[in-house]
C-alpha atoms as a PDB file:
ATOM      1  CA  MET A   1      -0.059  -0.016  -0.098  1.00  0.00           C
ATOM      2  CA  ALA A   2       1.314   3.660  -1.055  1.00  0.00           C
ATOM      3  CA  SER A   3       1.531   6.402   1.139  1.00  0.00           C
ATOM      4  CA  ALA A   4       0.418   9.803   0.102  1.00  0.00           C
ATOM      5  CA  SER A   5       4.466  10.858   0.848  1.00  0.00           C
ATOM      6  CA  SER A   6       5.723   8.596  -1.454  1.00  0.00           C
ATOM      7  CA  SER A   7       7.395   8.671  -5.292  1.00  0.00           C
ATOM      8  CA  ASN A   8       8.005   7.169  -7.890  1.00  0.00           C
ATOM      9  CA  THR A   9      11.902   7.298  -8.302  1.00  0.00           C
ATOM     10  CA  VAL A  10      13.989   4.715  -9.048  1.00  0.00           C
ATOM     11  CA  PHE A  11      16.505   3.501  -6.600  1.00  0.00           C
ATOM     12  CA  GLY A  12      18.105   0.566  -8.622  1.00  0.00           C
ATOM     13  CA  ILE A  13      17.250  -1.960 -11.327  1.00  0.00           C
ATOM     14  CA  LEU A  14      18.720  -5.462 -11.714  1.00  0.00           C
ATOM     15  CA  ALA A  15      19.660  -7.250 -14.967  1.00  0.00           C
ATOM     16  CA  ARG A  16      21.174 -10.286 -15.877  1.00  0.00           C
ATOM     17  CA  PHE A  17      23.154 -11.076 -18.747  1.00  0.00           C
ATOM     18  CA  GLU A  18      23.828 -14.608 -20.483  1.00  0.00           C
ATOM     19  CA  THR A  19      27.145 -13.767 -21.812  1.00  0.00           C
ATOM     20  CA  PRO A  20      29.854 -11.269 -21.843  1.00  0.00           C
ATOM     21  CA  GLY A  21      29.750  -9.500 -25.011  1.00  0.00           C
ATOM     22  CA  GLU A  22      25.947  -9.136 -23.718  1.00  0.00           C
ATOM     23  CA  LEU A  23      27.466  -7.361 -20.100  1.00  0.00           C
ATOM     24  CA  VAL A  24      29.489  -5.245 -22.422  1.00  0.00           C
ATOM     25  CA  ALA A  25      26.678  -3.893 -24.870  1.00  0.00           C
ATOM     26  CA  GLY A  26      24.418  -3.777 -22.028  1.00  0.00           C
ATOM     27  CA  SER A  27      26.842  -1.790 -20.293  1.00  0.00           C
ATOM     28  CA  ARG A  28      27.701   0.981 -23.171  1.00  0.00           C
ATOM     29  CA  ARG A  29      24.076   1.006 -23.716  1.00  0.00           C
ATOM     30  CA  VAL A  30      23.572   2.310 -20.236  1.00  0.00           C
ATOM     31  CA  ARG A  31      26.331   4.948 -20.460  1.00  0.00           C
ATOM     32  CA  GLN A  32      25.111   6.010 -23.239  1.00  0.00           C
ATOM     33  CA  GLU A  33      22.159   6.886 -21.650  1.00  0.00           C
ATOM     34  CA  GLY A  34      23.440   9.004 -19.504  1.00  0.00           C
ATOM     35  CA  TYR A  35      23.328   7.209 -15.894  1.00  0.00           C
ATOM     36  CA  ALA A  36      26.724   8.182 -13.533  1.00  0.00           C
ATOM     37  CA  LYS A  37      26.817   6.395 -10.691  1.00  0.00           C
ATOM     38  CA  TRP A  38      26.242   2.293 -11.643  1.00  0.00           C
ATOM     39  CA  ASP A  39      28.336  -0.728 -11.410  1.00  0.00           C
ATOM     40  CA  ALA A  40      28.828  -4.135 -13.443  1.00  0.00           C
ATOM     41  CA  HIS A  41      29.275  -7.645 -11.767  1.00  0.00           C
ATOM     42  CA  CYS A  42      30.988 -10.646 -12.990  1.00  0.00           C
ATOM     43  CA  PRO A  43      32.725 -13.579 -11.769  1.00  0.00           C
ATOM     44  CA  PHE A  44      35.725 -13.440 -13.974  1.00  0.00           C
ATOM     45  CA  PRO A  45      37.590 -10.916 -15.648  1.00  0.00           C
ATOM     46  CA  VAL A  46      35.589  -8.982 -19.072  1.00  0.00           C
ATOM     47  CA  HIS A  47      37.973  -7.619 -21.037  1.00  0.00           C
ATOM     48  CA  GLY A  48      36.763  -4.588 -22.626  1.00  0.00           C
ATOM     49  CA  LEU A  49      33.990  -3.669 -20.021  1.00  0.00           C
ATOM     50  CA  GLU A  50      36.239  -1.066 -18.363  1.00  0.00           C
ATOM     51  CA  THR A  51      35.690   0.908 -21.324  1.00  0.00           C
ATOM     52  CA  ALA A  52      32.515   0.178 -22.310  1.00  0.00           C
ATOM     53  CA  MET A  53      31.775   1.665 -18.415  1.00  0.00           C
ATOM     54  CA  GLY A  54      34.070   4.614 -19.046  1.00  0.00           C
ATOM     55  CA  LEU A  55      36.239   4.217 -16.171  1.00  0.00           C
ATOM     56  CA  GLU A  56      39.696   5.621 -16.568  1.00  0.00           C
ATOM     57  CA  ARG A  57      42.996   3.582 -15.601  1.00  0.00           C
ATOM     58  CA  SER A  58      43.146   2.507 -11.880  1.00  0.00           C
ATOM     59  CA  TRP A  59      46.453   3.620 -10.020  1.00  0.00           C
ATOM     60  CA  VAL A  60      46.184   0.542  -8.405  1.00  0.00           C
ATOM     61  CA  PRO A  61      49.098  -1.282  -9.657  1.00  0.00           C
ATOM     62  CA  TRP A  62      51.331   1.444  -9.672  1.00  0.00           C
ATOM     63  CA  PHE A  63      50.894   1.630  -5.927  1.00  0.00           C
ATOM     64  CA  SER A  64      51.184  -1.897  -5.775  1.00  0.00           C
ATOM     65  CA  PHE A  65      54.818  -2.132  -7.649  1.00  0.00           C
ATOM     66  CA  LEU A  66      56.486   1.233  -5.564  1.00  0.00           C
ATOM     67  CA  PHE A  67      55.100  -0.939  -2.321  1.00  0.00           C
ATOM     68  CA  ALA A  68      56.395  -3.925  -3.551  1.00  0.00           C
ATOM     69  CA  MET A  69      59.933  -2.537  -4.480  1.00  0.00           C
END
């Protein structure tokens, strides 16, 4: 039962993709639609997913190298 003060704001959407290619294509589409805060999860690395999501290159490998030295 909805109260009088409730709104139609969407706080989250979940999608399931059968192949890594579909995940990458879906990520590109979400980015093209203009969403800024979202994430994709997969149990294994998917080549090209960072690019499809518009993520910048991570500094973690550089920090790991520096602290390992």
